[in-house]
C-alpha atoms as a PDB file:
ATOM      1  CA  MET A   1       0.000   0.000   0.000  1.00  0.00           C
ATOM      2  CA  SER A   2       1.397   3.368  -1.047  1.00  0.00           C
ATOM      3  CA  SER A   3       0.460   6.744   0.462  1.00  0.00           C
ATOM      4  CA  LEU A   4       0.809  10.257  -0.931  1.00  0.00           C
ATOM      5  CA  SER A   5      -0.348  13.808  -0.260  1.00  0.00           C
ATOM      6  CA  PHE A   6      -1.689  16.229  -2.837  1.00  0.00           C
ATOM      7  CA  GLU A   7      -3.335  19.638  -3.073  1.00  0.00           C
ATOM      8  CA  VAL A   8      -5.850  20.999  -5.526  1.00  0.00           C
ATOM      9  CA  ARG A   9      -5.740  24.806  -5.765  1.00  0.00           C
ATOM     10  CA  GLU A  10      -7.491  26.428  -8.701  1.00  0.00           C
ATOM     11  CA  VAL A  11      -9.061  29.886  -8.680  1.00  0.00           C
ATOM     12  CA  HIS A  12     -10.574  31.495 -11.783  1.00  0.00           C
ATOM     13  CA  GLN A  13     -12.272  34.848 -11.380  1.00  0.00           C
ATOM     14  CA  HIS A  14     -13.109  35.920 -14.924  1.00  0.00           C
ATOM     15  CA  GLY A  15     -15.545  34.394 -17.394  1.00  0.00           C
ATOM     16  CA  GLY A  16     -17.080  31.469 -15.508  1.00  0.00           C
ATOM     17  CA  SER A  17     -15.524  32.058 -12.122  1.00  0.00           C
ATOM     18  CA  HIS A  18     -14.909  29.011  -9.937  1.00  0.00           C
ATOM     19  CA  LEU A  19     -12.772  27.940  -7.016  1.00  0.00           C
ATOM     20  CA  VAL A  20     -11.533  24.446  -6.173  1.00  0.00           C
ATOM     21  CA  ARG A  21      -9.280  24.087  -3.161  1.00  0.00           C
ATOM     22  CA  TYR A  22      -8.456  21.237  -0.772  1.00  0.00           C
ATOM     23  CA  SER A  23      -5.633  19.133   0.654  1.00  0.00           C
ATOM     24  CA  ALA A  24      -5.742  15.344   0.709  1.00  0.00           C
ATOM     25  CA  GLU A  25      -3.979  12.169   1.744  1.00  0.00           C
ATOM     26  CA  MET A  26      -4.406   9.202  -0.570  1.00  0.00           C
ATOM     27  CA  GLU A  27      -3.626   5.544   0.014  1.00  0.00           C
ATOM     28  CA  LEU A  28      -3.299   3.512  -3.172  1.00  0.00           C
ATOM     29  CA  LEU A  29      -4.987   0.124  -2.873  1.00  0.00           C
ATOM     30  CA  ASP A  30      -5.490  -2.948  -5.018  1.00  0.00           C
ATOM     31  CA  ALA A  31      -8.407  -2.612  -7.426  1.00  0.00           C
ATOM     32  CA  SER A  32     -10.330  -5.240  -5.430  1.00  0.00           C
ATOM     33  CA  GLU A  33     -10.580  -2.775  -2.512  1.00  0.00           C
ATOM     34  CA  PRO A  34     -13.477  -0.293  -2.475  1.00  0.00           C
ATOM     35  CA  PHE A  35     -12.760   3.261  -3.616  1.00  0.00           C
ATOM     36  CA  SER A  36     -13.580   5.806  -0.899  1.00  0.00           C
ATOM     37  CA  VAL A  37     -13.422   9.545  -0.265  1.00  0.00           C
ATOM     38  CA  GLU A  38     -13.940  11.027   3.181  1.00  0.00           C
ATOM     39  CA  ILE A  39     -14.341  14.770   3.749  1.00  0.00           C
ATOM     40  CA  LEU A  40     -12.749  15.567   7.117  1.00  0.00           C
ATOM     41  CA  SER A  41     -13.210  19.353   7.145  1.00  0.00           C
ATOM     42  CA  VAL A  42     -14.862  22.044   5.023  1.00  0.00           C
ATOM     43  CA  TYR A  43     -14.533  25.796   4.869  1.00  0.00           C
ATOM     44  CA  PRO A  44     -16.499  27.952   5.519  1.00  0.00           C
ATOM     45  CA  SER A  45     -18.371  25.412   7.619  1.00  0.00           C
ATOM     46  CA  GLU A  46     -21.161  27.792   8.671  1.00  0.00           C
ATOM     47  CA  TRP A  47     -22.502  28.234   5.094  1.00  0.00           C
ATOM     48  CA  VAL A  48     -22.102  24.744   3.706  1.00  0.00           C
ATOM     49  CA  THR A  49     -24.961  22.260   3.392  1.00  0.00           C
ATOM     50  CA  SER A  50     -24.546  18.501   3.737  1.00  0.00           C
ATOM     51  CA  ASP A  51     -25.785  18.179   0.138  1.00  0.00           C
ATOM     52  CA  GLU A  52     -22.945  20.381  -1.134  1.00  0.00           C
ATOM     53  CA  VAL A  53     -20.404  18.366   0.859  1.00  0.00           C
ATOM     54  CA  GLU A  54     -21.771  15.114  -0.581  1.00  0.00           C
ATOM     55  CA  VAL A  55     -21.716  16.453  -4.153  1.00  0.00           C
ATOM     56  CA  GLY A  56     -18.119  17.618  -3.631  1.00  0.00           C
ATOM     57  CA  ARG A  57     -17.168  14.207  -2.224  1.00  0.00           C
ATOM     58  CA  GLN A  58     -18.697  12.465  -5.231  1.00  0.00           C
ATOM     59  CA  MET A  59     -16.888  14.764  -7.681  1.00  0.00           C
ATOM     60  CA  ILE A  60     -13.526  14.162  -5.981  1.00  0.00           C
ATOM     61  CA  GLN A  61     -14.174  10.431  -6.210  1.00  0.00           C
ATOM     62  CA  ARG A  62     -15.174  10.629  -9.886  1.00  0.00           C
ATOM     63  CA  GLY A  63     -12.019  12.579 -10.752  1.00  0.00           C
ATOM     64  CA  ALA A  64      -9.823  10.159  -8.817  1.00  0.00           C
ATOM     65  CA  VAL A  65     -11.449   7.095 -10.386  1.00  0.00           C
ATOM     66  CA  ARG A  66     -10.790   8.600 -13.844  1.00  0.00           C
ATOM     67  CA  ALA A  67      -7.160   9.338 -12.932  1.00  0.00           C
ATOM     68  CA  LEU A  68      -6.600   5.752 -11.757  1.00  0.00           C
ATOM     69  CA  GLU A  69      -8.337   4.084 -14.723  1.00  0.00           C
ATOM     70  CA  GLY A  70      -6.205   1.358 -16.227  1.00  0.00           C
ATOM     71  CA  THR A  71      -3.733   1.275 -13.312  1.00  0.00           C
ATOM     72  CA  GLY A  72      -5.237  -1.705 -11.488  1.00  0.00           C
ATOM     73  CA  LYS A  73      -5.464   0.478  -8.380  1.00  0.00           C
ATOM     74  CA  SER A  74      -8.153   1.861  -6.114  1.00  0.00           C
ATOM     75  CA  ALA A  75      -7.746   4.504  -3.415  1.00  0.00           C
ATOM     76  CA  ARG A  76      -8.818   5.722  -0.017  1.00  0.00           C
ATOM     77  CA  ILE A  77      -8.755   9.538   0.038  1.00  0.00           C
ATOM     78  CA  ARG A  78      -9.094  11.775   3.098  1.00  0.00           C
ATOM     79  CA  VAL A  79      -9.824  15.427   2.308  1.00  0.00           C
ATOM     80  CA  ARG A  80      -9.109  18.406   4.572  1.00  0.00           C
ATOM     81  CA  ASP A  81      -9.960  22.092   4.256  1.00  0.00           C
ATOM     82  CA  PHE A  82     -12.307  21.556   1.322  1.00  0.00           C
ATOM     83  CA  VAL A  83     -13.450  25.032   0.272  1.00  0.00           C
ATOM     84  CA  ILE A  84     -17.069  25.288  -0.804  1.00  0.00           C
ATOM     85  CA  HIS A  85     -17.469  28.907  -1.891  1.00  0.00           C
ATOM     86  CA  PRO A  86     -21.056  30.231  -1.632  1.00  0.00           C
ATOM     87  CA  VAL A  87     -20.943  31.556  -5.233  1.00  0.00           C
ATOM     88  CA  ASP A  88     -17.996  29.916  -7.002  1.00  0.00           C
ATOM     89  CA  PHE A  89     -18.531  26.240  -6.048  1.00  0.00           C
ATOM     90  CA  LYS A  90     -18.899  24.456  -9.392  1.00  0.00           C
ATOM     91  CA  PRO A  91     -18.884  20.645  -8.921  1.00  0.00           C
ATOM     92  CA  ARG A  92     -17.753  19.805 -12.480  1.00  0.00           C
ATOM     93  CA  TYR A  93     -14.498  21.669 -11.847  1.00  0.00           C
ATOM     94  CA  VAL A  94     -13.912  19.693  -8.643  1.00  0.00           C
ATOM     95  CA  GLU A  95     -13.936  16.507 -10.717  1.00  0.00           C
ATOM     96  CA  GLU A  96     -11.778  17.930 -13.500  1.00  0.00           C
ATOM     97  CA  TYR A  97      -9.064  19.477 -11.303  1.00  0.00           C
ATOM     98  CA  THR A  98      -8.928  16.372  -9.109  1.00  0.00           C
ATOM     99  CA  PHE A  99      -8.340  14.317 -12.249  1.00  0.00           C
ATOM    100  CA  ARG A 100      -5.626  16.677 -13.562  1.00  0.00           C
ATOM    101  CA  VAL A 101      -3.739  16.963 -10.268  1.00  0.00           C
ATOM    102  CA  LEU A 102      -3.770  13.207  -9.658  1.00  0.00           C
ATOM    103  CA  ARG A 103      -2.611  12.466 -13.190  1.00  0.00           C
ATOM    104  CA  GLY A 104       0.283  14.850 -12.612  1.00  0.00           C
ATOM    105  CA  VAL A 105       1.106  13.401  -9.194  1.00  0.00           C
ATOM    106  CA  LEU A 106       0.876   9.798 -10.377  1.00  0.00           C
ATOM    107  CA  GLY A 107       2.854  10.549 -13.535  1.00  0.00           C
ATOM    108  CA  GLY A 108       1.237   7.741 -15.457  1.00  0.00           C
ATOM    109  CA  GLY A 109       2.588   5.010 -13.158  1.00  0.00           C
ATOM    110  CA  CYS A 110       1.288   3.736  -9.859  1.00  0.00           C
END
């Protein structure tokens, strides 16, 4: 089992503004293990709904599953300081930037 840390930090403020930001620890597992994402903390916690947290969790998982396709691996991901901006939270970007960052971190080989 291999473990690694990664950060997703993308802020776009012009023409379709969005913000995706979180830190995570990921354990690589055999493909027979279930894929899981756990959100440990969100910011700002006072404005965030449980539905938004769940959608964000699902999008992180979808991006990670895409990044690990064809590797024969699964993962357990623990997310901290997940920013859910009241205006600029766009779930599709959470998936896309998770995918891009993990592809870069994994470098094509697991």
